[in-house]
N, C-alpha and C. Protein backbone atom coordinates (compact mmCIF):
# COMPACT_ATOMS: atom_id res chain seq x y z
N MET A 1 7.26 22.05 -2.63
CA MET A 1 7.33 20.65 -2.99
C MET A 1 5.94 20.02 -2.87
N ILE A 2 5.53 19.29 -3.88
CA ILE A 2 4.25 18.60 -3.86
C ILE A 2 4.39 17.35 -3.00
N PRO A 3 3.51 17.19 -2.01
CA PRO A 3 3.63 15.99 -1.15
C PRO A 3 3.30 14.73 -1.94
N ILE A 4 3.97 13.67 -1.59
CA ILE A 4 3.74 12.37 -2.21
C ILE A 4 2.90 11.53 -1.26
N ASN A 5 1.85 10.92 -1.78
CA ASN A 5 1.01 10.05 -0.99
C ASN A 5 1.34 8.60 -1.28
N ILE A 6 1.60 7.85 -0.22
CA ILE A 6 1.91 6.43 -0.33
C ILE A 6 0.83 5.65 0.40
N LEU A 7 0.36 4.58 -0.22
CA LEU A 7 -0.63 3.70 0.38
C LEU A 7 0.02 2.35 0.65
N PHE A 8 -0.07 1.90 1.90
CA PHE A 8 0.42 0.59 2.30
C PHE A 8 -0.79 -0.32 2.47
N VAL A 9 -0.77 -1.47 1.80
CA VAL A 9 -1.87 -2.42 1.91
C VAL A 9 -1.32 -3.70 2.54
N ASN A 10 -1.81 -4.00 3.74
CA ASN A 10 -1.38 -5.21 4.45
C ASN A 10 -2.55 -5.70 5.29
N ARG A 11 -2.81 -6.99 5.26
CA ARG A 11 -3.98 -7.56 5.92
C ARG A 11 -3.88 -7.64 7.44
N LYS A 12 -2.68 -7.54 8.00
CA LYS A 12 -2.50 -7.71 9.45
C LYS A 12 -2.34 -6.36 10.15
N GLU A 13 -3.14 -6.15 11.17
CA GLU A 13 -3.10 -4.90 11.94
C GLU A 13 -1.72 -4.67 12.54
N GLU A 14 -1.09 -5.72 13.05
CA GLU A 14 0.24 -5.57 13.68
C GLU A 14 1.29 -5.11 12.67
N ASN A 15 1.15 -5.51 11.42
CA ASN A 15 2.09 -5.05 10.38
C ASN A 15 1.87 -3.57 10.07
N ILE A 16 0.61 -3.16 10.06
CA ILE A 16 0.31 -1.75 9.82
C ILE A 16 0.88 -0.89 10.94
N VAL A 17 0.72 -1.34 12.18
CA VAL A 17 1.28 -0.61 13.33
C VAL A 17 2.80 -0.51 13.20
N THR A 18 3.45 -1.60 12.80
CA THR A 18 4.90 -1.61 12.61
C THR A 18 5.30 -0.62 11.52
N LEU A 19 4.61 -0.64 10.40
CA LEU A 19 4.92 0.27 9.30
C LEU A 19 4.74 1.73 9.72
N LYS A 20 3.67 2.02 10.44
CA LYS A 20 3.42 3.39 10.91
C LYS A 20 4.54 3.86 11.81
N THR A 21 5.04 2.96 12.66
CA THR A 21 6.11 3.31 13.60
C THR A 21 7.43 3.52 12.88
N LEU A 22 7.75 2.66 11.94
CA LEU A 22 9.04 2.71 11.26
C LEU A 22 9.13 3.81 10.20
N LEU A 23 8.03 4.20 9.63
CA LEU A 23 8.06 5.06 8.45
C LEU A 23 7.49 6.45 8.68
N LYS A 24 7.68 6.99 9.86
CA LYS A 24 7.18 8.34 10.12
C LYS A 24 7.97 9.35 9.29
N CYS A 25 7.24 10.18 8.55
CA CYS A 25 7.88 11.18 7.72
C CYS A 25 6.89 12.32 7.49
N ASN A 26 7.33 13.53 7.73
CA ASN A 26 6.44 14.68 7.60
C ASN A 26 6.19 15.10 6.16
N ASP A 27 7.10 14.74 5.25
CA ASP A 27 6.99 15.18 3.86
C ASP A 27 6.16 14.24 2.99
N ILE A 28 5.73 13.12 3.56
CA ILE A 28 5.03 12.10 2.78
C ILE A 28 3.69 11.81 3.44
N GLY A 29 2.64 11.81 2.64
CA GLY A 29 1.33 11.41 3.14
C GLY A 29 1.25 9.90 3.13
N MET A 30 0.99 9.30 4.28
CA MET A 30 0.94 7.84 4.37
C MET A 30 -0.47 7.40 4.72
N PHE A 31 -0.96 6.46 3.94
CA PHE A 31 -2.28 5.88 4.15
C PHE A 31 -2.12 4.38 4.29
N PHE A 32 -3.01 3.78 5.06
CA PHE A 32 -2.90 2.35 5.36
C PHE A 32 -4.25 1.68 5.17
N SER A 33 -4.22 0.47 4.62
CA SER A 33 -5.43 -0.29 4.40
C SER A 33 -5.16 -1.76 4.66
N LYS A 34 -6.16 -2.45 5.22
CA LYS A 34 -6.02 -3.88 5.46
C LYS A 34 -6.63 -4.73 4.35
N SER A 35 -7.27 -4.10 3.37
CA SER A 35 -7.86 -4.89 2.29
C SER A 35 -7.73 -4.15 0.96
N SER A 36 -7.78 -4.91 -0.10
CA SER A 36 -7.68 -4.33 -1.44
C SER A 36 -8.89 -3.48 -1.78
N ASN A 37 -10.07 -3.90 -1.33
CA ASN A 37 -11.28 -3.11 -1.60
C ASN A 37 -11.19 -1.74 -0.94
N ASP A 38 -10.75 -1.70 0.32
CA ASP A 38 -10.57 -0.41 1.00
C ASP A 38 -9.46 0.40 0.34
N ALA A 39 -8.43 -0.29 -0.12
CA ALA A 39 -7.33 0.40 -0.82
C ALA A 39 -7.84 1.10 -2.07
N LEU A 40 -8.70 0.43 -2.83
CA LEU A 40 -9.26 1.04 -4.04
C LEU A 40 -10.05 2.30 -3.71
N LYS A 41 -10.79 2.27 -2.61
CA LYS A 41 -11.54 3.46 -2.20
C LYS A 41 -10.58 4.61 -1.88
N LEU A 42 -9.50 4.32 -1.15
CA LEU A 42 -8.52 5.36 -0.82
C LEU A 42 -7.84 5.90 -2.07
N ILE A 43 -7.54 5.03 -3.01
CA ILE A 43 -6.88 5.45 -4.24
C ILE A 43 -7.77 6.43 -5.02
N TRP A 44 -9.08 6.19 -5.02
CA TRP A 44 -10.01 7.08 -5.71
C TRP A 44 -10.18 8.40 -4.97
N GLU A 45 -10.08 8.38 -3.62
CA GLU A 45 -10.29 9.58 -2.82
C GLU A 45 -9.06 10.46 -2.72
N LYS A 46 -7.88 9.87 -2.71
CA LYS A 46 -6.62 10.60 -2.51
C LYS A 46 -5.80 10.52 -3.79
N GLN A 47 -4.83 11.38 -3.91
CA GLN A 47 -3.91 11.30 -5.05
C GLN A 47 -2.73 10.44 -4.63
N ILE A 48 -2.90 9.14 -4.78
CA ILE A 48 -1.87 8.18 -4.37
C ILE A 48 -0.85 8.05 -5.51
N ALA A 49 0.43 8.18 -5.15
CA ALA A 49 1.50 8.06 -6.14
C ALA A 49 2.13 6.66 -6.12
N ILE A 50 2.17 6.06 -4.92
CA ILE A 50 2.83 4.76 -4.75
C ILE A 50 1.94 3.87 -3.90
N VAL A 51 1.79 2.62 -4.33
CA VAL A 51 1.07 1.62 -3.55
C VAL A 51 2.04 0.51 -3.22
N LEU A 52 2.25 0.28 -1.93
CA LEU A 52 3.04 -0.86 -1.47
C LEU A 52 2.05 -1.89 -0.97
N VAL A 53 2.01 -3.02 -1.63
CA VAL A 53 0.97 -4.01 -1.34
C VAL A 53 1.58 -5.35 -0.94
N ASP A 54 1.06 -5.88 0.15
CA ASP A 54 1.46 -7.21 0.63
C ASP A 54 0.99 -8.24 -0.39
N ASP A 55 1.72 -9.33 -0.51
CA ASP A 55 1.33 -10.32 -1.52
C ASP A 55 0.13 -11.17 -1.09
N GLU A 56 -0.32 -11.03 0.14
CA GLU A 56 -1.48 -11.78 0.62
C GLU A 56 -2.55 -10.81 1.11
N THR A 57 -3.34 -10.29 0.21
CA THR A 57 -4.39 -9.35 0.58
C THR A 57 -5.75 -10.03 0.47
N PRO A 58 -6.65 -9.71 1.39
CA PRO A 58 -7.99 -10.31 1.31
C PRO A 58 -8.81 -9.71 0.17
N GLU A 59 -9.88 -10.38 -0.17
CA GLU A 59 -10.81 -10.01 -1.23
C GLU A 59 -10.15 -10.11 -2.59
N ILE A 60 -9.56 -9.04 -3.06
CA ILE A 60 -8.86 -9.01 -4.35
C ILE A 60 -7.38 -9.27 -4.05
N ASN A 61 -6.77 -10.24 -4.74
CA ASN A 61 -5.35 -10.47 -4.45
C ASN A 61 -4.51 -9.33 -5.03
N SER A 62 -3.27 -9.27 -4.61
CA SER A 62 -2.40 -8.13 -4.96
C SER A 62 -2.18 -8.00 -6.46
N PHE A 63 -2.14 -9.11 -7.18
CA PHE A 63 -1.93 -9.06 -8.62
C PHE A 63 -3.19 -8.55 -9.34
N GLU A 64 -4.35 -8.94 -8.84
CA GLU A 64 -5.60 -8.42 -9.40
C GLU A 64 -5.73 -6.92 -9.13
N LEU A 65 -5.33 -6.49 -7.93
CA LEU A 65 -5.33 -5.06 -7.60
C LEU A 65 -4.44 -4.29 -8.57
N ALA A 66 -3.25 -4.82 -8.82
CA ALA A 66 -2.33 -4.17 -9.76
C ALA A 66 -2.94 -4.12 -11.17
N ALA A 67 -3.59 -5.18 -11.58
CA ALA A 67 -4.21 -5.22 -12.92
C ALA A 67 -5.33 -4.18 -13.02
N ILE A 68 -6.13 -4.03 -11.95
CA ILE A 68 -7.20 -3.03 -11.94
C ILE A 68 -6.61 -1.63 -12.08
N LEU A 69 -5.56 -1.35 -11.31
CA LEU A 69 -4.94 -0.02 -11.36
C LEU A 69 -4.30 0.24 -12.71
N GLN A 70 -3.65 -0.75 -13.28
CA GLN A 70 -2.98 -0.57 -14.57
C GLN A 70 -3.97 -0.42 -15.73
N SER A 71 -5.19 -0.94 -15.57
CA SER A 71 -6.16 -0.89 -16.67
C SER A 71 -6.96 0.41 -16.71
N ASN A 72 -6.83 1.24 -15.69
CA ASN A 72 -7.60 2.48 -15.64
C ASN A 72 -6.70 3.67 -15.95
N PRO A 73 -7.09 4.53 -16.90
CA PRO A 73 -6.25 5.68 -17.24
C PRO A 73 -5.95 6.60 -16.05
N ARG A 74 -6.87 6.69 -15.12
CA ARG A 74 -6.68 7.56 -13.95
C ARG A 74 -5.63 7.02 -12.97
N THR A 75 -5.44 5.70 -12.95
CA THR A 75 -4.55 5.09 -11.96
C THR A 75 -3.37 4.34 -12.56
N ARG A 76 -3.26 4.32 -13.87
CA ARG A 76 -2.21 3.48 -14.49
C ARG A 76 -0.79 3.96 -14.22
N ASP A 77 -0.61 5.23 -13.83
CA ASP A 77 0.74 5.74 -13.56
C ASP A 77 1.17 5.56 -12.10
N ILE A 78 0.33 4.96 -11.29
CA ILE A 78 0.69 4.71 -9.89
C ILE A 78 1.77 3.62 -9.85
N LEU A 79 2.84 3.88 -9.12
CA LEU A 79 3.90 2.88 -8.94
C LEU A 79 3.39 1.84 -7.95
N ILE A 80 3.46 0.57 -8.32
CA ILE A 80 3.00 -0.52 -7.47
C ILE A 80 4.21 -1.36 -7.07
N VAL A 81 4.39 -1.53 -5.76
CA VAL A 81 5.50 -2.31 -5.24
C VAL A 81 4.92 -3.43 -4.39
N PHE A 82 5.30 -4.67 -4.70
CA PHE A 82 4.86 -5.81 -3.90
C PHE A 82 5.90 -6.04 -2.81
N PHE A 83 5.42 -6.32 -1.59
CA PHE A 83 6.36 -6.58 -0.51
C PHE A 83 5.82 -7.65 0.42
N LYS A 84 6.71 -8.17 1.24
CA LYS A 84 6.35 -9.18 2.23
C LYS A 84 7.14 -8.87 3.49
N LEU A 85 6.44 -8.68 4.60
CA LEU A 85 7.14 -8.49 5.87
C LEU A 85 7.60 -9.85 6.36
N LEU A 86 8.84 -9.91 6.79
CA LEU A 86 9.44 -11.17 7.22
C LEU A 86 10.08 -11.02 8.59
N GLY A 87 10.42 -12.14 9.15
CA GLY A 87 11.22 -12.11 10.37
C GLY A 87 10.38 -12.11 11.64
N LYS A 88 11.07 -12.35 12.71
CA LYS A 88 10.45 -12.35 14.02
C LYS A 88 9.91 -10.97 14.32
N ARG A 89 8.66 -10.91 14.72
CA ARG A 89 8.00 -9.64 15.04
C ARG A 89 7.98 -8.68 13.86
N ASN A 90 8.08 -9.25 12.65
CA ASN A 90 7.99 -8.42 11.43
C ASN A 90 9.01 -7.28 11.43
N GLN A 91 10.24 -7.58 11.82
CA GLN A 91 11.25 -6.53 11.92
C GLN A 91 11.97 -6.26 10.62
N SER A 92 11.74 -7.05 9.61
CA SER A 92 12.40 -6.79 8.34
C SER A 92 11.39 -6.89 7.21
N ALA A 93 11.73 -6.29 6.11
CA ALA A 93 10.82 -6.32 4.96
C ALA A 93 11.62 -6.64 3.71
N VAL A 94 11.01 -7.37 2.82
CA VAL A 94 11.61 -7.66 1.52
C VAL A 94 10.73 -6.97 0.48
N PHE A 95 11.35 -6.19 -0.41
CA PHE A 95 10.61 -5.50 -1.46
C PHE A 95 10.93 -6.11 -2.79
């Protein structure tokens, strides 16, 4: 089975820690970034299949990030999912 790489983009360190704790999986490569610029670097370095991006990202907003990925032949097939962590202590997520 070819491993799937997923990139989570969220500006808050506590949200990244929560995601890392909740989403442990040996069959999936998980990468985390706090900014869209760093996310773009990871996307170019790794074979990312799915990007889950918070709607409030620093530097480049999430919609601009999606537009950049969709406009490039190398990255246009990446699935982009917008999400927002909600709730007390970020215990729930809306996709």
